[in-house]
Amino acid sequence: GDVTKYADSTEGRFTISRDNAEKAIYVQLINLKPE
């Protein structure tokens, strides 16, 4: 969980995280566009 990468198209609007204890991964998306 210490390294994350994003596609250029996300333009800083996405945040990925994980909780290994819960076996879960999340991505928060803000300022969403139709594309």
Full PDB file with SEQRES, HELIX, SHEET, SSBOND, CRYST1, ORIGX, SCALE, CONECT and MASTER records, all heavy atoms in Angstrom:
SEQRES   1 A   35  GLY ASP VAL THR LYS TYR ALA ASP SER THR GLU GLY ARG          
SEQRES   2 A   35  PHE THR ILE SER ARG ASP ASN ALA GLU LYS ALA ILE TYR          
SEQRES   3 A   35  VAL GLN LEU ILE ASN LEU LYS PRO GLU                          
HELIX    1 AA1 ASP A    8  THR A   10  5                                   3    
SHEET    1 AA1 2 PHE A  14  ASP A  19  0                                        
SHEET    2 AA1 2 ALA A  24  LEU A  29 -1                                        
CRYST1    1.000    1.000    1.000  90.00  90.00  90.00 P 1           1          
ORIGX1      1.000000  0.000000  0.000000        0.00000                         
ORIGX2      0.000000  1.000000  0.000000        0.00000                         
ORIGX3      0.000000  0.000000  1.000000        0.00000                         
SCALE1      1.000000  0.000000  0.000000        0.00000                         
SCALE2      0.000000  1.000000  0.000000        0.00000                         
SCALE3      0.000000  0.000000  1.000000        0.00000                         
ATOM      1  N   GLY A   1       0.785  -1.228   0.000  1.00  0.00           N  
ATOM      2  CA  GLY A   1       0.000   0.000   0.000  1.00  0.00           C  
ATOM      3  C   GLY A   1       0.817   1.278   0.000  1.00  0.00           C  
ATOM      4  O   GLY A   1       0.249   2.369   0.028  1.00  0.00           O  
ATOM      5  N   ASP A   2       2.141   1.160  -0.059  1.00  0.00           N  
ATOM      6  CA  ASP A   2       2.953   2.363   0.054  1.00  0.00           C  
ATOM      7  C   ASP A   2       3.257   3.030  -1.279  1.00  0.00           C  
ATOM      8  O   ASP A   2       3.787   4.149  -1.305  1.00  0.00           O  
ATOM      9  CB  ASP A   2       4.270   2.069   0.794  1.00  0.00           C  
ATOM     10  CG  ASP A   2       5.094   0.994   0.121  1.00  0.00           C  
ATOM     11  OD1 ASP A   2       4.565   0.321  -0.790  1.00  0.00           O  
ATOM     12  OD2 ASP A   2       6.266   0.824   0.496  1.00  0.00           O  
ATOM     13  N   VAL A   3       2.931   2.371  -2.363  1.00  0.00           N  
ATOM     14  CA  VAL A   3       3.161   2.957  -3.685  1.00  0.00           C  
ATOM     15  C   VAL A   3       1.869   2.917  -4.475  1.00  0.00           C  
ATOM     16  O   VAL A   3       1.206   1.872  -4.539  1.00  0.00           O  
ATOM     17  CB  VAL A   3       4.257   2.213  -4.460  1.00  0.00           C  
ATOM     18  CG1 VAL A   3       4.421   2.810  -5.858  1.00  0.00           C  
ATOM     19  CG2 VAL A   3       5.574   2.270  -3.703  1.00  0.00           C  
ATOM     20  N   THR A   4       1.518   4.041  -5.066  1.00  0.00           N  
ATOM     21  CA  THR A   4       0.332   4.125  -5.905  1.00  0.00           C  
ATOM     22  C   THR A   4       0.694   4.779  -7.231  1.00  0.00           C  
ATOM     23  O   THR A   4       1.633   5.583  -7.305  1.00  0.00           O  
ATOM     24  CB  THR A   4      -0.782   4.945  -5.233  1.00  0.00           C  
ATOM     25  OG1 THR A   4      -0.288   6.264  -4.958  1.00  0.00           O  
ATOM     26  CG2 THR A   4      -1.231   4.301  -3.931  1.00  0.00           C  
ATOM     27  N   LYS A   5      -0.035   4.410  -8.268  1.00  0.00           N  
ATOM     28  CA  LYS A   5       0.149   5.011  -9.584  1.00  0.00           C  
ATOM     29  C   LYS A   5      -1.222   5.327 -10.158  1.00  0.00           C  
ATOM     30  O   LYS A   5      -2.198   4.633  -9.870  1.00  0.00           O  
ATOM     31  CB  LYS A   5       0.888   4.049 -10.520  1.00  0.00           C  
ATOM     32  CG  LYS A   5       2.324   3.774 -10.123  1.00  0.00           C  
ATOM     33  CD  LYS A   5       3.196   4.990 -10.256  1.00  0.00           C  
ATOM     34  CE  LYS A   5       4.651   4.665  -9.904  1.00  0.00           C  
ATOM     35  NZ  LYS A   5       5.509   5.871  -9.950  1.00  0.00           N  
ATOM     36  N   TYR A   6      -1.250   6.376 -10.986  1.00  0.00           N  
ATOM     37  CA  TYR A   6      -2.502   6.785 -11.599  1.00  0.00           C  
ATOM     38  C   TYR A   6      -2.287   7.068 -13.076  1.00  0.00           C  
ATOM     39  O   TYR A   6      -1.239   7.583 -13.472  1.00  0.00           O  
ATOM     40  CB  TYR A   6      -3.038   8.044 -10.921  1.00  0.00           C  
ATOM     41  CG  TYR A   6      -3.334   7.864  -9.459  1.00  0.00           C  
ATOM     42  CD1 TYR A   6      -2.380   8.130  -8.488  1.00  0.00           C  
ATOM     43  CD2 TYR A   6      -4.581   7.391  -9.044  1.00  0.00           C  
ATOM     44  CE1 TYR A   6      -2.652   7.935  -7.144  1.00  0.00           C  
ATOM     45  CE2 TYR A   6      -4.859   7.196  -7.695  1.00  0.00           C  
ATOM     46  CZ  TYR A   6      -3.891   7.470  -6.754  1.00  0.00           C  
ATOM     47  OH  TYR A   6      -4.160   7.278  -5.431  1.00  0.00           O  
ATOM     48  N   ALA A   7      -3.301   6.750 -13.858  1.00  0.00           N  
ATOM     49  CA  ALA A   7      -3.263   7.131 -15.258  1.00  0.00           C  
ATOM     50  C   ALA A   7      -3.359   8.653 -15.364  1.00  0.00           C  
ATOM     51  O   ALA A   7      -3.997   9.300 -14.523  1.00  0.00           O  
ATOM     52  CB  ALA A   7      -4.429   6.483 -16.009  1.00  0.00           C  
ATOM     53  N   ASP A   8      -2.738   9.217 -16.375  1.00  0.00           N  
ATOM     54  CA  ASP A   8      -2.775  10.670 -16.564  1.00  0.00           C  
ATOM     55  C   ASP A   8      -4.205  11.190 -16.645  1.00  0.00           C  
ATOM     56  O   ASP A   8      -4.496  12.316 -16.221  1.00  0.00           O  
ATOM     57  CB  ASP A   8      -2.001  11.062 -17.834  1.00  0.00           C  
ATOM     58  CG  ASP A   8      -0.509  10.841 -17.687  1.00  0.00           C  
ATOM     59  OD1 ASP A   8      -0.030  10.705 -16.545  1.00  0.00           O  
ATOM     60  OD2 ASP A   8       0.179  10.787 -18.732  1.00  0.00           O  
ATOM     61  N   SER A   9      -5.085  10.358 -17.173  1.00  0.00           N  
ATOM     62  CA  SER A   9      -6.469  10.789 -17.376  1.00  0.00           C  
ATOM     63  C   SER A   9      -7.191  11.067 -16.063  1.00  0.00           C  
ATOM     64  O   SER A   9      -8.204  11.760 -16.039  1.00  0.00           O  
ATOM     65  CB  SER A   9      -7.246   9.736 -18.166  1.00  0.00           C  
ATOM     66  OG  SER A   9      -7.260   8.512 -17.460  1.00  0.00           O  
ATOM     67  N   THR A  10      -6.671  10.538 -14.956  1.00  0.00           N  
ATOM     68  CA  THR A  10      -7.348  10.758 -13.677  1.00  0.00           C  
ATOM     69  C   THR A  10      -7.124  12.175 -13.159  1.00  0.00           C  
ATOM     70  O   THR A  10      -7.900  12.668 -12.348  1.00  0.00           O  
ATOM     71  CB  THR A  10      -6.902   9.748 -12.621  1.00  0.00           C  
ATOM     72  OG1 THR A  10      -5.511   9.934 -12.343  1.00  0.00           O  
ATOM     73  CG2 THR A  10      -7.120   8.324 -13.107  1.00  0.00           C  
ATOM     74  N   GLU A  11      -6.037  12.814 -13.611  1.00  0.00           N  
ATOM     75  CA  GLU A  11      -5.787  14.246 -13.329  1.00  0.00           C  
ATOM     76  C   GLU A  11      -5.886  14.581 -11.850  1.00  0.00           C  
ATOM     77  O   GLU A  11      -6.436  15.611 -11.464  1.00  0.00           O  
ATOM     78  CB  GLU A  11      -6.772  15.104 -14.135  1.00  0.00           C  
ATOM     79  CG  GLU A  11      -6.656  14.906 -15.627  1.00  0.00           C  
ATOM     80  CD  GLU A  11      -7.766  15.610 -16.381  1.00  0.00           C  
ATOM     81  OE1 GLU A  11      -8.894  15.673 -15.858  1.00  0.00           O  
ATOM     82  OE2 GLU A  11      -7.512  16.097 -17.496  1.00  0.00           O  
ATOM     83  N   GLY A  12      -5.427  13.675 -10.996  1.00  0.00           N  
ATOM     84  CA  GLY A  12      -5.439  13.953  -9.565  1.00  0.00           C  
ATOM     85  C   GLY A  12      -6.796  13.833  -8.907  1.00  0.00           C  
ATOM     86  O   GLY A  12      -6.965  14.214  -7.744  1.00  0.00           O  
ATOM     87  N   ARG A  13      -7.746  13.292  -9.617  1.00  0.00           N  
ATOM     88  CA  ARG A  13      -9.105  13.212  -9.073  1.00  0.00           C  
ATOM     89  C   ARG A  13      -9.422  11.860  -8.443  1.00  0.00           C  
ATOM     90  O   ARG A  13     -10.496  11.687  -7.862  1.00  0.00           O  
ATOM     91  CB  ARG A  13     -10.113  13.514 -10.188  1.00  0.00           C  
ATOM     92  CG  ARG A  13      -9.993  14.933 -10.751  1.00  0.00           C  
ATOM     93  CD  ARG A  13     -10.942  15.168 -11.925  1.00  0.00           C  
ATOM     94  NE  ARG A  13     -10.545  14.369 -13.081  1.00  0.00           N  
ATOM     95  CZ  ARG A  13     -11.251  13.352 -13.549  1.00  0.00           C  
ATOM     96  NH1 ARG A  13     -12.385  13.001 -12.967  1.00  0.00           N  
ATOM     97  NH2 ARG A  13     -10.844  12.679 -14.606  1.00  0.00           N  
ATOM     98  N   PHE A  14      -8.516  10.896  -8.568  1.00  0.00           N  
ATOM     99  CA  PHE A  14      -8.750   9.569  -8.023  1.00  0.00           C  
ATOM    100  C   PHE A  14      -7.756   9.302  -6.893  1.00  0.00           C  
ATOM    101  O   PHE A  14      -6.597   9.734  -6.961  1.00  0.00           O  
ATOM    102  CB  PHE A  14      -8.567   8.498  -9.093  1.00  0.00           C  
ATOM    103  CG  PHE A  14      -9.612   8.504 -10.180  1.00  0.00           C  
ATOM    104  CD1 PHE A  14     -10.567   9.491 -10.274  1.00  0.00           C  
ATOM    105  CD2 PHE A  14      -9.623   7.491 -11.133  1.00  0.00           C  
ATOM    106  CE1 PHE A  14     -11.522   9.483 -11.280  1.00  0.00           C  
ATOM    107  CE2 PHE A  14     -10.568   7.472 -12.145  1.00  0.00           C  
ATOM    108  CZ  PHE A  14     -11.513   8.470 -12.228  1.00  0.00           C  
ATOM    109  N   THR A  15      -8.186   8.583  -5.874  1.00  0.00           N  
ATOM    110  CA  THR A  15      -7.306   8.164  -4.793  1.00  0.00           C  
ATOM    111  C   THR A  15      -7.555   6.701  -4.486  1.00  0.00           C  
ATOM    112  O   THR A  15      -8.674   6.325  -4.131  1.00  0.00           O  
ATOM    113  CB  THR A  15      -7.538   8.999  -3.522  1.00  0.00           C  
ATOM    114  OG1 THR A  15      -7.367  10.388  -3.814  1.00  0.00           O  
ATOM    115  CG2 THR A  15      -6.556   8.586  -2.433  1.00  0.00           C  
ATOM    116  N   ILE A  16      -6.507   5.899  -4.616  1.00  0.00           N  
ATOM    117  CA  ILE A  16      -6.625   4.470  -4.349  1.00  0.00           C  
ATOM    118  C   ILE A  16      -6.054   4.177  -2.964  1.00  0.00           C  
ATOM    119  O   ILE A  16      -5.102   4.825  -2.517  1.00  0.00           O  
ATOM    120  CB  ILE A  16      -5.894   3.652  -5.436  1.00  0.00           C  
ATOM    121  CG1 ILE A  16      -6.222   2.163  -5.319  1.00  0.00           C  
ATOM    122  CG2 ILE A  16      -4.388   3.902  -5.393  1.00  0.00           C  
ATOM    123  CD1 ILE A  16      -5.702   1.326  -6.495  1.00  0.00           C  
ATOM    124  N   SER A  17      -6.641   3.212  -2.292  1.00  0.00           N  
ATOM    125  CA  SER A  17      -6.146   2.805  -0.978  1.00  0.00           C  
ATOM    126  C   SER A  17      -6.479   1.335  -0.764  1.00  0.00           C  
ATOM    127  O   SER A  17      -7.288   0.761  -1.500  1.00  0.00           O  
ATOM    128  CB  SER A  17      -6.769   3.660   0.126  1.00  0.00           C  
ATOM    129  OG  SER A  17      -8.178   3.519   0.143  1.00  0.00           O  
ATOM    130  N   ARG A  18      -5.867   0.752   0.223  1.00  0.00           N  
ATOM    131  CA  ARG A  18      -6.172  -0.639   0.542  1.00  0.00           C  
ATOM    132  C   ARG A  18      -6.114  -0.854   2.043  1.00  0.00           C  
ATOM    133  O   ARG A  18      -5.384  -0.170   2.764  1.00  0.00           O  
ATOM    134  CB  ARG A  18      -5.232  -1.604  -0.186  1.00  0.00           C  
ATOM    135  CG  ARG A  18      -3.799  -1.593   0.265  1.00  0.00           C  
ATOM    136  CD  ARG A  18      -2.925  -2.443  -0.666  1.00  0.00           C  
ATOM    137  NE  ARG A  18      -3.222  -3.867  -0.582  1.00  0.00           N  
ATOM    138  CZ  ARG A  18      -2.881  -4.765  -1.509  1.00  0.00           C  
ATOM    139  NH1 ARG A  18      -2.229  -4.366  -2.604  1.00  0.00           N  
ATOM    140  NH2 ARG A  18      -3.162  -6.040  -1.342  1.00  0.00           N  
ATOM    141  N   ASP A  19      -6.869  -1.834   2.483  1.00  0.00           N  
ATOM    142  CA  ASP A  19      -6.896  -2.258   3.872  1.00  0.00           C  
ATOM    143  C   ASP A  19      -6.611  -3.750   3.864  1.00  0.00           C  
ATOM    144  O   ASP A  19      -7.510  -4.548   3.603  1.00  0.00           O  
ATOM    145  CB  ASP A  19      -8.256  -1.939   4.492  1.00  0.00           C  
ATOM    146  CG  ASP A  19      -8.320  -2.258   5.980  1.00  0.00           C  
ATOM    147  OD1 ASP A  19      -7.533  -3.112   6.444  1.00  0.00           O  
ATOM    148  OD2 ASP A  19      -9.164  -1.669   6.671  1.00  0.00           O  
ATOM    149  N   ASN A  20      -5.381  -4.110   4.113  1.00  0.00           N  
ATOM    150  CA  ASN A  20      -5.011  -5.521   4.020  1.00  0.00           C  
ATOM    151  C   ASN A  20      -5.687  -6.370   5.097  1.00  0.00           C  
ATOM    152  O   ASN A  20      -5.946  -7.556   4.883  1.00  0.00           O  
ATOM    153  CB  ASN A  20      -3.495  -5.678   4.084  1.00  0.00           C  
ATOM    154  CG  ASN A  20      -2.827  -5.345   2.755  1.00  0.00           C  
ATOM    155  OD1 ASN A  20      -3.492  -5.172   1.729  1.00  0.00           O  
ATOM    156  ND2 ASN A  20      -1.511  -5.246   2.764  1.00  0.00           N  
ATOM    157  N   ALA A  21      -5.969  -5.777   6.244  1.00  0.00           N  
ATOM    158  CA  ALA A  21      -6.652  -6.529   7.292  1.00  0.00           C  
ATOM    159  C   ALA A  21      -8.073  -6.893   6.859  1.00  0.00           C  
ATOM    160  O   ALA A  21      -8.582  -7.968   7.199  1.00  0.00           O  
ATOM    161  CB  ALA A  21      -6.681  -5.723   8.576  1.00  0.00           C  
ATOM    162  N   GLU A  22      -8.703  -6.008   6.118  1.00  0.00           N  
ATOM    163  CA  GLU A  22     -10.065  -6.245   5.632  1.00  0.00           C  
ATOM    164  C   GLU A  22     -10.081  -6.861   4.242  1.00  0.00           C  
ATOM    165  O   GLU A  22     -11.164  -7.148   3.712  1.00  0.00           O  
ATOM    166  CB  GLU A  22     -10.844  -4.928   5.611  1.00  0.00           C  
ATOM    167  CG  GLU A  22     -11.052  -4.302   6.979  1.00  0.00           C  
ATOM    168  CD  GLU A  22     -11.931  -5.158   7.866  1.00  0.00           C  
ATOM    169  OE1 GLU A  22     -12.876  -5.803   7.341  1.00  0.00           O  
ATOM    170  OE2 GLU A  22     -11.663  -5.221   9.081  1.00  0.00           O  
ATOM    171  N   LYS A  23      -8.916  -7.041   3.631  1.00  0.00           N  
ATOM    172  CA  LYS A  23      -8.819  -7.565   2.266  1.00  0.00           C  
ATOM    173  C   LYS A  23      -9.656  -6.720   1.304  1.00  0.00           C  
ATOM    174  O   LYS A  23     -10.474  -7.251   0.529  1.00  0.00           O  
ATOM    175  CB  LYS A  23      -9.262  -9.030   2.204  1.00  0.00           C  
ATOM    176  CG  LYS A  23      -8.331  -9.987   2.928  1.00  0.00           C  
ATOM    177  CD  LYS A  23      -8.739 -11.440   2.671  1.00  0.00           C  
ATOM    178  CE  LYS A  23      -7.791 -12.404   3.329  1.00  0.00           C  
ATOM    179  NZ  LYS A  23      -8.166 -13.812   3.063  1.00  0.00           N  
ATOM    180  N   ALA A  24      -9.475  -5.438   1.359  1.00  0.00           N  
ATOM    181  CA  ALA A  24     -10.287  -4.545   0.542  1.00  0.00           C  
ATOM    182  C   ALA A  24      -9.432  -3.465  -0.104  1.00  0.00           C  
ATOM    183  O   ALA A  24      -8.412  -3.038   0.455  1.00  0.00           O  
ATOM    184  CB  ALA A  24     -11.383  -3.898   1.388  1.00  0.00           C  
ATOM    185  N   ILE A  25      -9.851  -3.066  -1.265  1.00  0.00           N  
ATOM    186  CA  ILE A  25      -9.211  -1.970  -1.996  1.00  0.00           C  
ATOM    187  C   ILE A  25     -10.299  -0.968  -2.352  1.00  0.00           C  
ATOM    188  O   ILE A  25     -11.421  -1.359  -2.701  1.00  0.00           O  
ATOM    189  CB  ILE A  25      -8.543  -2.474  -3.299  1.00  0.00           C  
ATOM    190  CG1 ILE A  25      -7.622  -3.647  -3.022  1.00  0.00           C  
ATOM    191  CG2 ILE A  25      -7.759  -1.343  -3.972  1.00  0.00           C  
ATOM    192  CD1 ILE A  25      -8.271  -4.980  -3.249  1.00  0.00           C  
ATOM    193  N   TYR A  26      -9.966   0.300  -2.272  1.00  0.00           N  
ATOM    194  CA  TYR A  26     -10.931   1.344  -2.542  1.00  0.00           C  
ATOM    195  C   TYR A  26     -10.340   2.327  -3.554  1.00  0.00           C  
ATOM    196  O   TYR A  26      -9.132   2.512  -3.623  1.00  0.00           O  
ATOM    197  CB  TYR A  26     -11.282   2.101  -1.268  1.00  0.00           C  
ATOM    198  CG  TYR A  26     -11.693   1.210  -0.130  1.00  0.00           C  
ATOM    199  CD1 TYR A  26     -10.802   0.864   0.877  1.00  0.00           C  
ATOM    200  CD2 TYR A  26     -12.987   0.693  -0.060  1.00  0.00           C  
ATOM    201  CE1 TYR A  26     -11.165   0.033   1.912  1.00  0.00           C  
ATOM    202  CE2 TYR A  26     -13.367  -0.140   0.980  1.00  0.00           C  
ATOM    203  CZ  TYR A  26     -12.449  -0.460   1.962  1.00  0.00           C  
ATOM    204  OH  TYR A  26     -12.824  -1.291   2.974  1.00  0.00           O  
ATOM    205  N   VAL A  27     -11.219   2.959  -4.297  1.00  0.00           N  
ATOM    206  CA  VAL A  27     -10.796   4.095  -5.098  1.00  0.00           C  
ATOM    207  C   VAL A  27     -11.855   5.183  -4.950  1.00  0.00           C  
ATOM    208  O   VAL A  27     -13.030   4.954  -5.190  1.00  0.00           O  
ATOM    209  CB  VAL A  27     -10.528   3.714  -6.568  1.00  0.00           C  
ATOM    210  CG1 VAL A  27     -11.749   3.174  -7.270  1.00  0.00           C  
ATOM    211  CG2 VAL A  27      -9.933   4.895  -7.317  1.00  0.00           C  
ATOM    212  N   GLN A  28     -11.400   6.317  -4.486  1.00  0.00           N  
ATOM    213  CA  GLN A  28     -12.273   7.472  -4.330  1.00  0.00           C  
ATOM    214  C   GLN A  28     -12.152   8.314  -5.592  1.00  0.00           C  
ATOM    215  O   GLN A  28     -11.046   8.658  -6.011  1.00  0.00           O  
ATOM    216  CB  GLN A  28     -11.850   8.294  -3.112  1.00  0.00           C  
ATOM    217  CG  GLN A  28     -12.702   9.513  -2.847  1.00  0.00           C  
ATOM    218  CD  GLN A  28     -14.069   9.163  -2.311  1.00  0.00           C  
ATOM    219  OE1 GLN A  28     -14.223   8.260  -1.506  1.00  0.00           O  
ATOM    220  NE2 GLN A  28     -15.094   9.875  -2.775  1.00  0.00           N  
ATOM    221  N   LEU A  29     -13.285   8.636  -6.194  1.00  0.00           N  
ATOM    222  CA  LEU A  29     -13.299   9.423  -7.424  1.00  0.00           C  
ATOM    223  C   LEU A  29     -14.052  10.712  -7.154  1.00  0.00           C  
ATOM    224  O   LEU A  29     -15.174  10.685  -6.634  1.00  0.00           O  
ATOM    225  CB  LEU A  29     -13.988   8.661  -8.552  1.00  0.00           C  
ATOM    226  CG  LEU A  29     -13.465   7.255  -8.916  1.00  0.00           C  
ATOM    227  CD1 LEU A  29     -14.116   6.180  -8.064  1.00  0.00           C  
ATOM    228  CD2 LEU A  29     -13.717   6.958 -10.366  1.00  0.00           C  
ATOM    229  N   ILE A  30     -13.440  11.823  -7.491  1.00  0.00           N  
ATOM    230  CA  ILE A  30     -14.098  13.114  -7.305  1.00  0.00           C  
ATOM    231  C   ILE A  30     -14.130  13.858  -8.634  1.00  0.00           C  
ATOM    232  O   ILE A  30     -13.419  13.517  -9.572  1.00  0.00           O  
ATOM    233  CB  ILE A  30     -13.386  13.970  -6.239  1.00  0.00           C  
ATOM    234  CG1 ILE A  30     -11.959  14.307  -6.680  1.00  0.00           C  
ATOM    235  CG2 ILE A  30     -13.385  13.251  -4.897  1.00  0.00           C  
ATOM    236  CD1 ILE A  30     -11.279  15.323  -5.775  1.00  0.00           C  
ATOM    237  N   ASN A  31     -14.990  14.884  -8.696  1.00  0.00           N  
ATOM    238  CA  ASN A  31     -15.099  15.716  -9.884  1.00  0.00           C  
ATOM    239  C   ASN A  31     -15.194  14.860 -11.155  1.00  0.00           C  
ATOM    240  O   ASN A  31     -14.461  15.048 -12.115  1.00  0.00           O  
ATOM    241  CB  ASN A  31     -13.900  16.658  -9.982  1.00  0.00           C  
ATOM    242  CG  ASN A  31     -14.090  17.747 -11.022  1.00  0.00           C  
ATOM    243  OD1 ASN A  31     -15.229  18.030 -11.431  1.00  0.00           O  
ATOM    244  ND2 ASN A  31     -13.006  18.345 -11.471  1.00  0.00           N  
ATOM    245  N   LEU A  32     -16.129  13.932 -11.118  1.00  0.00           N  
ATOM    246  CA  LEU A  32     -16.256  12.981 -12.212  1.00  0.00           C  
ATOM    247  C   LEU A  32     -16.716  13.656 -13.500  1.00  0.00           C  
ATOM    248  O   LEU A  32     -17.497  14.608 -13.478  1.00  0.00           O  
ATOM    249  CB  LEU A  32     -17.227  11.874 -11.825  1.00  0.00           C  
ATOM    250  CG  LEU A  32     -16.622  10.823 -10.882  1.00  0.00           C  
ATOM    251  CD1 LEU A  32     -17.714  10.013 -10.199  1.00  0.00           C  
ATOM    252  CD2 LEU A  32     -15.676   9.917 -11.649  1.00  0.00           C  
ATOM    253  N   LYS A  33     -16.212  13.123 -14.602  1.00  0.00           N  
ATOM    254  CA  LYS A  33     -16.557  13.636 -15.924  1.00  0.00           C  
ATOM    255  C   LYS A  33     -17.299  12.546 -16.697  1.00  0.00           C  
ATOM    256  O   LYS A  33     -17.152  11.359 -16.394  1.00  0.00           O  
ATOM    257  CB  LYS A  33     -15.280  14.022 -16.674  1.00  0.00           C  
ATOM    258  CG  LYS A  33     -14.455  15.081 -15.966  1.00  0.00           C  
ATOM    259  CD  LYS A  33     -13.190  15.400 -16.735  1.00  0.00           C  
ATOM    260  CE  LYS A  33     -12.366  16.460 -16.018  1.00  0.00           C  
ATOM    261  NZ  LYS A  33     -11.122  16.792 -16.757  1.00  0.00           N  
ATOM    262  N   PRO A  34     -18.070  12.923 -17.710  1.00  0.00           N  
ATOM    263  CA  PRO A  34     -18.802  11.921 -18.489  1.00  0.00           C  
ATOM    264  C   PRO A  34     -17.899  10.834 -19.069  1.00  0.00           C  
ATOM    265  O   PRO A  34     -18.332   9.677 -19.197  1.00  0.00           O  
ATOM    266  CB  PRO A  34     -19.453  12.764 -19.598  1.00  0.00           C  
ATOM    267  CG  PRO A  34     -19.635  14.100 -18.971  1.00  0.00           C  
ATOM    268  CD  PRO A  34     -18.434  14.304 -18.095  1.00  0.00           C  
ATOM    269  N   GLU A  35     -16.663  11.174 -19.382  1.00  0.00           N  
ATOM    270  CA  GLU A  35     -15.754  10.155 -19.923  1.00  0.00           C  
ATOM    271  C   GLU A  35     -15.321   9.142 -18.869  1.00  0.00           C  
ATOM    272  O   GLU A  35     -14.632   8.173 -19.183  1.00  0.00           O  
ATOM    273  CB  GLU A  35     -14.518  10.800 -20.567  1.00  0.00           C  
ATOM    274  CG  GLU A  35     -13.815  11.820 -19.712  1.00  0.00           C  
ATOM    275  CD  GLU A  35     -14.264  13.249 -20.005  1.00  0.00           C  
ATOM    276  OE1 GLU A  35     -15.478  13.472 -20.221  1.00  0.00           O  
ATOM    277  OE2 GLU A  35     -13.385  14.134 -19.992  1.00  0.00           O  
TER     278      GLU A  35                                                      
MASTER        0    0    0    1    2    0    0    6  277    1    0    3          
END                                                                             
